[in-house]
Amino acid sequence: MKNSLKVERAKKDMTQQDLAKQIGVSRQTINSIEAGKYVPSTVLALKIARCFDVAVESIFELEEND
């Protein structure tokens, strides 16, 4: 799964720690999502999308092998 989480954070001048605190996870979780090592749960993906006021699909995208 591809994601544009880092881009969305940059648009809002937000650190990984800022985002993590806002949605209630660790900074390491955000780092793992951005690196593609961790696929967030539906609830977490929805919280992230809500934080940026965008649709989930604008941040997370399925790849052919998913």
N, C-alpha and C. Protein backbone atom coordinates (compact mmCIF):
# COMPACT_ATOMS: atom_id res chain seq x y z
N MET A 1 0.85 -1.18 0.00
CA MET A 1 0.00 0.00 0.00
C MET A 1 0.89 1.24 0.00
N LYS A 2 0.64 2.12 -0.93
CA LYS A 2 1.36 3.40 -0.98
C LYS A 2 0.62 4.43 -0.14
N ASN A 3 1.37 5.42 0.34
CA ASN A 3 0.70 6.50 1.06
C ASN A 3 1.43 7.81 0.85
N SER A 4 0.70 8.88 1.02
CA SER A 4 1.27 10.23 0.88
C SER A 4 1.24 10.96 2.22
N LEU A 5 1.41 10.20 3.27
CA LEU A 5 1.33 10.77 4.61
C LEU A 5 2.39 11.84 4.85
N LYS A 6 3.60 11.59 4.39
CA LYS A 6 4.68 12.57 4.57
C LYS A 6 4.36 13.87 3.84
N VAL A 7 3.78 13.77 2.67
CA VAL A 7 3.40 14.95 1.89
C VAL A 7 2.31 15.74 2.62
N GLU A 8 1.32 15.02 3.12
CA GLU A 8 0.23 15.69 3.86
C GLU A 8 0.76 16.39 5.10
N ARG A 9 1.69 15.75 5.79
CA ARG A 9 2.28 16.38 6.97
C ARG A 9 3.03 17.65 6.59
N ALA A 10 3.77 17.58 5.49
CA ALA A 10 4.55 18.74 5.03
C ALA A 10 3.65 19.91 4.68
N LYS A 11 2.50 19.63 4.08
CA LYS A 11 1.56 20.69 3.72
C LYS A 11 1.10 21.47 4.95
N LYS A 12 1.01 20.77 6.08
CA LYS A 12 0.55 21.41 7.32
C LYS A 12 1.70 21.73 8.27
N ASP A 13 2.95 21.56 7.78
CA ASP A 13 4.14 21.82 8.59
C ASP A 13 4.04 21.08 9.93
N MET A 14 3.74 19.79 9.83
CA MET A 14 3.49 18.95 11.01
C MET A 14 4.58 17.88 11.12
N THR A 15 5.10 17.68 12.31
CA THR A 15 6.08 16.62 12.52
C THR A 15 5.37 15.29 12.73
N GLN A 16 6.15 14.21 12.68
CA GLN A 16 5.59 12.90 12.99
C GLN A 16 5.03 12.89 14.40
N GLN A 17 5.74 13.53 15.32
CA GLN A 17 5.30 13.57 16.71
C GLN A 17 3.99 14.34 16.86
N ASP A 18 3.86 15.46 16.13
CA ASP A 18 2.62 16.24 16.16
C ASP A 18 1.43 15.39 15.74
N LEU A 19 1.59 14.70 14.63
CA LEU A 19 0.51 13.86 14.11
C LEU A 19 0.20 12.72 15.07
N ALA A 20 1.24 12.08 15.56
CA ALA A 20 1.07 10.96 16.48
C ALA A 20 0.27 11.39 17.71
N LYS A 21 0.62 12.53 18.27
CA LYS A 21 -0.08 13.02 19.46
C LYS A 21 -1.54 13.32 19.16
N GLN A 22 -1.79 13.89 17.99
CA GLN A 22 -3.15 14.28 17.62
C GLN A 22 -4.07 13.08 17.45
N ILE A 23 -3.52 11.97 16.94
CA ILE A 23 -4.38 10.81 16.70
C ILE A 23 -4.21 9.70 17.74
N GLY A 24 -3.31 9.90 18.70
CA GLY A 24 -3.20 8.96 19.80
C GLY A 24 -2.37 7.72 19.55
N VAL A 25 -1.29 7.85 18.77
CA VAL A 25 -0.37 6.73 18.55
C VAL A 25 1.06 7.21 18.81
N SER A 26 2.02 6.31 18.69
CA SER A 26 3.41 6.70 18.89
C SER A 26 3.99 7.29 17.61
N ARG A 27 5.07 8.03 17.75
CA ARG A 27 5.77 8.58 16.59
C ARG A 27 6.29 7.43 15.73
N GLN A 28 6.71 6.35 16.37
CA GLN A 28 7.22 5.19 15.64
C GLN A 28 6.15 4.59 14.73
N THR A 29 4.90 4.64 15.16
CA THR A 29 3.80 4.14 14.33
C THR A 29 3.70 4.97 13.05
N ILE A 30 3.76 6.29 13.20
CA ILE A 30 3.70 7.17 12.03
C ILE A 30 4.87 6.91 11.11
N ASN A 31 6.06 6.75 11.69
CA ASN A 31 7.25 6.48 10.91
C ASN A 31 7.09 5.17 10.13
N SER A 32 6.58 4.14 10.77
CA SER A 32 6.38 2.84 10.12
C SER A 32 5.36 2.91 8.99
N ILE A 33 4.30 3.69 9.19
CA ILE A 33 3.30 3.86 8.13
C ILE A 33 3.93 4.56 6.94
N GLU A 34 4.65 5.65 7.19
CA GLU A 34 5.29 6.40 6.10
C GLU A 34 6.29 5.55 5.34
N ALA A 35 7.01 4.69 6.05
CA ALA A 35 8.02 3.83 5.43
C ALA A 35 7.41 2.63 4.71
N GLY A 36 6.10 2.44 4.85
CA GLY A 36 5.44 1.31 4.20
C GLY A 36 5.65 0.00 4.93
N LYS A 37 6.12 0.05 6.17
CA LYS A 37 6.35 -1.16 6.95
C LYS A 37 5.12 -1.59 7.73
N TYR A 38 4.16 -0.69 7.86
CA TYR A 38 2.96 -0.97 8.65
C TYR A 38 1.75 -0.42 7.92
N VAL A 39 0.73 -1.25 7.78
CA VAL A 39 -0.53 -0.82 7.17
C VAL A 39 -1.49 -0.51 8.32
N PRO A 40 -1.97 0.73 8.38
CA PRO A 40 -2.83 1.11 9.50
C PRO A 40 -4.19 0.41 9.45
N SER A 41 -4.78 0.27 10.62
CA SER A 41 -6.14 -0.27 10.70
C SER A 41 -7.10 0.73 10.04
N THR A 42 -8.29 0.30 9.79
CA THR A 42 -9.31 1.18 9.21
C THR A 42 -9.55 2.38 10.11
N VAL A 43 -9.65 2.14 11.40
CA VAL A 43 -9.89 3.23 12.35
C VAL A 43 -8.75 4.23 12.32
N LEU A 44 -7.51 3.74 12.32
CA LEU A 44 -6.36 4.64 12.30
C LEU A 44 -6.29 5.41 10.99
N ALA A 45 -6.56 4.76 9.87
CA ALA A 45 -6.56 5.44 8.58
C ALA A 45 -7.62 6.53 8.54
N LEU A 46 -8.78 6.26 9.12
CA LEU A 46 -9.84 7.27 9.17
C LEU A 46 -9.46 8.45 10.06
N LYS A 47 -8.80 8.17 11.18
CA LYS A 47 -8.34 9.25 12.06
C LYS A 47 -7.32 10.14 11.35
N ILE A 48 -6.41 9.50 10.62
CA ILE A 48 -5.40 10.26 9.88
C ILE A 48 -6.06 11.14 8.83
N ALA A 49 -6.98 10.57 8.07
CA ALA A 49 -7.68 11.33 7.03
C ALA A 49 -8.45 12.49 7.64
N ARG A 50 -9.11 12.25 8.75
CA ARG A 50 -9.87 13.31 9.42
C ARG A 50 -8.94 14.44 9.89
N CYS A 51 -7.78 14.06 10.37
CA CYS A 51 -6.80 15.05 10.84
C CYS A 51 -6.42 16.02 9.72
N PHE A 52 -6.32 15.51 8.49
CA PHE A 52 -5.95 16.33 7.34
C PHE A 52 -7.17 16.83 6.56
N ASP A 53 -8.35 16.46 7.00
CA ASP A 53 -9.60 16.86 6.35
C ASP A 53 -9.63 16.46 4.87
N VAL A 54 -9.26 15.20 4.63
CA VAL A 54 -9.28 14.65 3.27
C VAL A 54 -9.88 13.24 3.32
N ALA A 55 -10.17 12.69 2.16
CA ALA A 55 -10.66 11.32 2.07
C ALA A 55 -9.50 10.35 2.28
N VAL A 56 -9.81 9.19 2.85
CA VAL A 56 -8.79 8.17 3.09
C VAL A 56 -8.05 7.84 1.79
N GLU A 57 -8.79 7.77 0.69
CA GLU A 57 -8.21 7.40 -0.60
C GLU A 57 -7.20 8.43 -1.12
N SER A 58 -7.25 9.64 -0.60
CA SER A 58 -6.28 10.64 -1.06
C SER A 58 -4.94 10.49 -0.34
N ILE A 59 -4.91 9.70 0.73
CA ILE A 59 -3.66 9.45 1.46
C ILE A 59 -3.15 8.03 1.21
N PHE A 60 -4.05 7.06 1.22
CA PHE A 60 -3.67 5.65 1.06
C PHE A 60 -4.16 5.11 -0.27
N GLU A 61 -3.26 4.38 -0.96
CA GLU A 61 -3.59 3.83 -2.28
C GLU A 61 -3.13 2.39 -2.39
N LEU A 62 -4.04 1.52 -2.80
CA LEU A 62 -3.67 0.12 -3.02
C LEU A 62 -2.75 -0.01 -4.22
N GLU A 63 -1.80 -0.92 -4.11
CA GLU A 63 -0.92 -1.23 -5.23
C GLU A 63 -1.37 -2.54 -5.86
N GLU A 64 -0.86 -2.87 -7.02
CA GLU A 64 -1.26 -4.08 -7.74
C GLU A 64 -1.10 -5.34 -6.89
N ASN A 65 -0.04 -5.43 -6.10
CA ASN A 65 0.23 -6.66 -5.34
C ASN A 65 -0.47 -6.70 -3.98
N ASP A 66 -1.30 -5.71 -3.67
CA ASP A 66 -2.01 -5.69 -2.38
C ASP A 66 -3.26 -6.54 -2.43
